[in-house]
Amino acid sequence: FCTKGTSLPQQPSNLTWLHGYCCQQLEKQSDSVVMSSFLFMFQEDNGIPVHLKGGTADALLYRMTMSLSVLGVGYVLYELVKASFPQKKV
């Protein structure tokens, strides 16, 4: 069991150093396992585009982004058309 920033009480300094070193190695190893699982998920050839491989959250974020982009382009075109035909002053 490793806790960051703490040392075991009543131990010589070399054992405290060893405990810290072992904790760092375990953290690096667990980070490596997590990273390799992410790499495997994104490199797997299953026909899903890479921007949607994160699951439903990625799909929702993608759809929302595309919707806002289409609405923004539509609004810009509307304003352009509106500006190109000025209103007549009475």
N, C-alpha and C. Protein backbone atom coordinates (compact mmCIF):
# COMPACT_ATOMS: atom_id res chain seq x y z
N PHE A 1 0.85 -1.18 0.00
CA PHE A 1 0.00 0.00 0.00
C PHE A 1 0.89 1.23 0.00
N CYS A 2 0.69 2.10 -0.97
CA CYS A 2 1.51 3.30 -1.09
C CYS A 2 0.66 4.53 -0.91
N THR A 3 1.17 5.45 -0.15
CA THR A 3 0.52 6.75 -0.02
C THR A 3 1.53 7.80 -0.39
N LYS A 4 1.12 8.75 -1.18
CA LYS A 4 2.04 9.78 -1.65
C LYS A 4 2.36 10.74 -0.53
N GLY A 5 3.61 11.10 -0.44
CA GLY A 5 4.03 12.14 0.48
C GLY A 5 4.15 11.70 1.93
N THR A 6 4.01 10.41 2.23
CA THR A 6 4.14 9.96 3.60
C THR A 6 5.24 8.92 3.69
N SER A 7 5.84 8.83 4.84
CA SER A 7 6.83 7.79 5.07
C SER A 7 6.39 6.98 6.28
N LEU A 8 6.86 5.78 6.34
CA LEU A 8 6.50 4.93 7.45
C LEU A 8 7.25 5.38 8.70
N PRO A 9 6.60 5.42 9.86
CA PRO A 9 7.27 5.89 11.08
C PRO A 9 8.29 4.88 11.59
N GLN A 10 9.31 5.36 12.25
CA GLN A 10 10.33 4.56 12.94
C GLN A 10 11.05 3.60 12.00
N GLN A 11 11.40 4.07 10.82
CA GLN A 11 12.19 3.26 9.91
C GLN A 11 13.47 4.01 9.59
N PRO A 12 14.54 3.28 9.36
CA PRO A 12 15.77 3.94 8.93
C PRO A 12 15.56 4.61 7.58
N SER A 13 16.39 5.61 7.29
CA SER A 13 16.19 6.41 6.08
C SER A 13 16.33 5.58 4.81
N ASN A 14 17.19 4.55 4.80
CA ASN A 14 17.35 3.76 3.59
C ASN A 14 16.10 2.93 3.30
N LEU A 15 15.38 2.49 4.32
CA LEU A 15 14.13 1.77 4.09
C LEU A 15 13.04 2.71 3.63
N THR A 16 13.03 3.92 4.11
CA THR A 16 12.06 4.91 3.66
C THR A 16 12.30 5.22 2.19
N TRP A 17 13.56 5.36 1.80
CA TRP A 17 13.89 5.58 0.40
C TRP A 17 13.44 4.40 -0.44
N LEU A 18 13.68 3.18 0.04
CA LEU A 18 13.28 1.98 -0.70
C LEU A 18 11.76 1.92 -0.84
N HIS A 19 11.05 2.26 0.22
CA HIS A 19 9.59 2.28 0.15
C HIS A 19 9.10 3.28 -0.89
N GLY A 20 9.70 4.47 -0.91
CA GLY A 20 9.32 5.48 -1.89
C GLY A 20 9.64 5.04 -3.30
N TYR A 21 10.79 4.42 -3.48
CA TYR A 21 11.19 3.94 -4.80
C TYR A 21 10.23 2.87 -5.29
N CYS A 22 9.86 1.93 -4.42
CA CYS A 22 8.93 0.86 -4.80
C CYS A 22 7.56 1.42 -5.16
N CYS A 23 7.10 2.42 -4.41
CA CYS A 23 5.81 3.04 -4.70
C CYS A 23 5.84 3.74 -6.06
N GLN A 24 6.96 4.41 -6.36
CA GLN A 24 7.07 5.07 -7.67
C GLN A 24 7.04 4.05 -8.79
N GLN A 25 7.72 2.93 -8.61
CA GLN A 25 7.74 1.90 -9.64
C GLN A 25 6.35 1.30 -9.85
N LEU A 26 5.62 1.07 -8.75
CA LEU A 26 4.27 0.53 -8.86
C LEU A 26 3.34 1.52 -9.57
N GLU A 27 3.48 2.82 -9.27
CA GLU A 27 2.66 3.82 -9.93
C GLU A 27 2.98 3.89 -11.42
N LYS A 28 4.27 3.83 -11.77
CA LYS A 28 4.65 3.84 -13.18
C LYS A 28 4.11 2.62 -13.89
N GLN A 29 4.15 1.46 -13.23
CA GLN A 29 3.68 0.23 -13.84
C GLN A 29 2.17 0.30 -14.05
N SER A 30 1.42 0.81 -13.07
CA SER A 30 -0.03 0.90 -13.23
C SER A 30 -0.40 1.92 -14.30
N ASP A 31 0.36 3.04 -14.38
CA ASP A 31 0.13 4.01 -15.44
C ASP A 31 0.40 3.39 -16.80
N SER A 32 1.43 2.55 -16.89
CA SER A 32 1.77 1.89 -18.13
C SER A 32 0.66 0.94 -18.57
N VAL A 33 0.07 0.23 -17.62
CA VAL A 33 -1.02 -0.70 -17.94
C VAL A 33 -2.23 0.07 -18.44
N VAL A 34 -2.55 1.17 -17.79
CA VAL A 34 -3.69 1.99 -18.21
C VAL A 34 -3.44 2.55 -19.60
N MET A 35 -2.23 3.05 -19.83
CA MET A 35 -1.90 3.63 -21.12
C MET A 35 -1.96 2.59 -22.22
N SER A 36 -1.47 1.39 -21.97
CA SER A 36 -1.50 0.35 -23.00
C SER A 36 -2.93 -0.07 -23.32
N SER A 37 -3.83 -0.04 -22.32
CA SER A 37 -5.22 -0.38 -22.62
C SER A 37 -5.86 0.70 -23.49
N PHE A 38 -5.51 1.98 -23.24
CA PHE A 38 -6.02 3.05 -24.10
C PHE A 38 -5.46 2.92 -25.52
N LEU A 39 -4.17 2.63 -25.63
CA LEU A 39 -3.57 2.46 -26.94
C LEU A 39 -4.23 1.32 -27.69
N PHE A 40 -4.49 0.21 -27.01
CA PHE A 40 -5.13 -0.92 -27.65
C PHE A 40 -6.52 -0.55 -28.13
N MET A 41 -7.26 0.21 -27.31
CA MET A 41 -8.62 0.60 -27.67
C MET A 41 -8.62 1.46 -28.93
N PHE A 42 -7.69 2.42 -29.03
CA PHE A 42 -7.68 3.32 -30.16
C PHE A 42 -7.05 2.72 -31.41
N GLN A 43 -6.19 1.70 -31.25
CA GLN A 43 -5.55 1.09 -32.41
C GLN A 43 -6.32 -0.09 -32.97
N GLU A 44 -7.32 -0.56 -32.26
CA GLU A 44 -8.11 -1.71 -32.71
C GLU A 44 -8.87 -1.35 -33.98
N ASP A 45 -8.82 -2.24 -34.98
CA ASP A 45 -9.50 -2.00 -36.25
C ASP A 45 -10.90 -2.61 -36.20
N ASN A 46 -11.88 -1.82 -35.73
CA ASN A 46 -13.24 -2.32 -35.63
C ASN A 46 -14.22 -1.49 -36.44
N GLY A 47 -13.73 -0.63 -37.31
CA GLY A 47 -14.59 0.15 -38.19
C GLY A 47 -15.16 1.42 -37.58
N ILE A 48 -14.87 1.68 -36.32
CA ILE A 48 -15.36 2.89 -35.66
C ILE A 48 -14.32 3.99 -35.85
N PRO A 49 -14.76 5.20 -36.25
CA PRO A 49 -13.79 6.30 -36.39
C PRO A 49 -13.12 6.61 -35.04
N VAL A 50 -11.89 7.08 -35.11
CA VAL A 50 -11.11 7.28 -33.90
C VAL A 50 -11.75 8.32 -32.97
N HIS A 51 -12.47 9.30 -33.53
CA HIS A 51 -13.08 10.32 -32.68
C HIS A 51 -14.33 9.82 -31.97
N LEU A 52 -14.78 8.59 -32.26
CA LEU A 52 -15.94 8.02 -31.58
C LEU A 52 -15.61 6.79 -30.75
N LYS A 53 -14.35 6.42 -30.66
CA LYS A 53 -13.98 5.20 -29.95
C LYS A 53 -14.06 5.33 -28.43
N GLY A 54 -14.26 6.53 -27.91
CA GLY A 54 -14.36 6.73 -26.48
C GLY A 54 -15.70 6.34 -25.90
N GLY A 55 -16.68 6.00 -26.72
CA GLY A 55 -17.98 5.58 -26.22
C GLY A 55 -19.06 6.62 -26.44
N THR A 56 -20.10 6.52 -25.62
CA THR A 56 -21.26 7.38 -25.80
C THR A 56 -20.95 8.85 -25.50
N ALA A 57 -20.07 9.10 -24.57
CA ALA A 57 -19.71 10.49 -24.27
C ALA A 57 -19.06 11.15 -25.48
N ASP A 58 -18.18 10.43 -26.17
CA ASP A 58 -17.56 10.98 -27.37
C ASP A 58 -18.58 11.20 -28.48
N ALA A 59 -19.50 10.26 -28.63
CA ALA A 59 -20.53 10.39 -29.66
C ALA A 59 -21.42 11.60 -29.38
N LEU A 60 -21.80 11.79 -28.12
CA LEU A 60 -22.63 12.93 -27.76
C LEU A 60 -21.88 14.24 -27.98
N LEU A 61 -20.63 14.29 -27.57
CA LEU A 61 -19.82 15.50 -27.76
C LEU A 61 -19.64 15.81 -29.25
N TYR A 62 -19.42 14.78 -30.06
CA TYR A 62 -19.25 14.96 -31.50
C TYR A 62 -20.53 15.51 -32.12
N ARG A 63 -21.66 14.93 -31.78
CA ARG A 63 -22.94 15.38 -32.36
C ARG A 63 -23.27 16.81 -31.93
N MET A 64 -23.02 17.12 -30.68
CA MET A 64 -23.29 18.47 -30.20
C MET A 64 -22.38 19.48 -30.91
N THR A 65 -21.11 19.15 -31.08
CA THR A 65 -20.17 20.04 -31.77
C THR A 65 -20.58 20.26 -33.21
N MET A 66 -20.96 19.17 -33.90
CA MET A 66 -21.37 19.30 -35.29
C MET A 66 -22.66 20.11 -35.41
N SER A 67 -23.59 19.91 -34.49
CA SER A 67 -24.85 20.67 -34.52
C SER A 67 -24.59 22.16 -34.34
N LEU A 68 -23.77 22.51 -33.35
CA LEU A 68 -23.46 23.92 -33.13
C LEU A 68 -22.71 24.52 -34.32
N SER A 69 -21.86 23.75 -34.95
CA SER A 69 -21.13 24.24 -36.12
C SER A 69 -22.07 24.52 -37.28
N VAL A 70 -23.00 23.60 -37.54
CA VAL A 70 -23.96 23.78 -38.63
C VAL A 70 -24.86 24.97 -38.34
N LEU A 71 -25.33 25.09 -37.09
CA LEU A 71 -26.16 26.24 -36.73
C LEU A 71 -25.39 27.55 -36.88
N GLY A 72 -24.13 27.56 -36.48
CA GLY A 72 -23.31 28.76 -36.61
C GLY A 72 -23.11 29.16 -38.06
N VAL A 73 -22.84 28.20 -38.92
CA VAL A 73 -22.67 28.50 -40.35
C VAL A 73 -23.98 29.02 -40.93
N GLY A 74 -25.08 28.40 -40.55
CA GLY A 74 -26.39 28.86 -41.02
C GLY A 74 -26.68 30.29 -40.60
N TYR A 75 -26.36 30.61 -39.35
CA TYR A 75 -26.59 31.97 -38.85
C TYR A 75 -25.71 32.98 -39.57
N VAL A 76 -24.48 32.63 -39.83
CA VAL A 76 -23.58 33.54 -40.55
C VAL A 76 -24.10 33.79 -41.96
N LEU A 77 -24.54 32.73 -42.64
CA LEU A 77 -25.09 32.90 -43.99
C LEU A 77 -26.35 33.75 -43.97
N TYR A 78 -27.21 33.57 -42.98
CA TYR A 78 -28.41 34.38 -42.83
C TYR A 78 -28.06 35.85 -42.66
N GLU A 79 -27.10 36.14 -41.78
CA GLU A 79 -26.70 37.52 -41.56
C GLU A 79 -26.05 38.12 -42.81
N LEU A 80 -25.32 37.32 -43.57
CA LEU A 80 -24.71 37.80 -44.81
C LEU A 80 -25.77 38.18 -45.83
N VAL A 81 -26.77 37.33 -45.98
CA VAL A 81 -27.86 37.61 -46.91
C VAL A 81 -28.63 38.84 -46.45
N LYS A 82 -28.89 38.94 -45.16
CA LYS A 82 -29.62 40.08 -44.61
C LYS A 82 -28.83 41.37 -44.84
N ALA A 83 -27.50 41.31 -44.69
CA ALA A 83 -26.68 42.51 -44.88
C ALA A 83 -26.54 42.89 -46.35
N SER A 84 -26.69 41.94 -47.25
CA SER A 84 -26.52 42.24 -48.67
C SER A 84 -27.76 42.91 -49.26
N PHE A 85 -28.89 42.83 -48.61
CA PHE A 85 -30.11 43.50 -49.04
C PHE A 85 -30.51 44.52 -47.97
N PRO A 86 -29.95 45.73 -48.05
CA PRO A 86 -30.25 46.73 -47.02
C PRO A 86 -31.72 47.15 -47.06
N GLN A 87 -32.23 47.54 -45.91
CA GLN A 87 -33.61 47.98 -45.83
C GLN A 87 -33.75 49.38 -46.43
N LYS A 88 -34.89 49.60 -47.05
CA LYS A 88 -35.13 50.92 -47.65
C LYS A 88 -35.53 51.89 -46.55
N LYS A 89 -34.96 53.08 -46.62
CA LYS A 89 -35.30 54.11 -45.65
C LYS A 89 -36.53 54.87 -46.15
N VAL A 90 -37.45 55.09 -45.27
CA VAL A 90 -38.68 55.77 -45.66
C VAL A 90 -38.61 57.24 -45.40
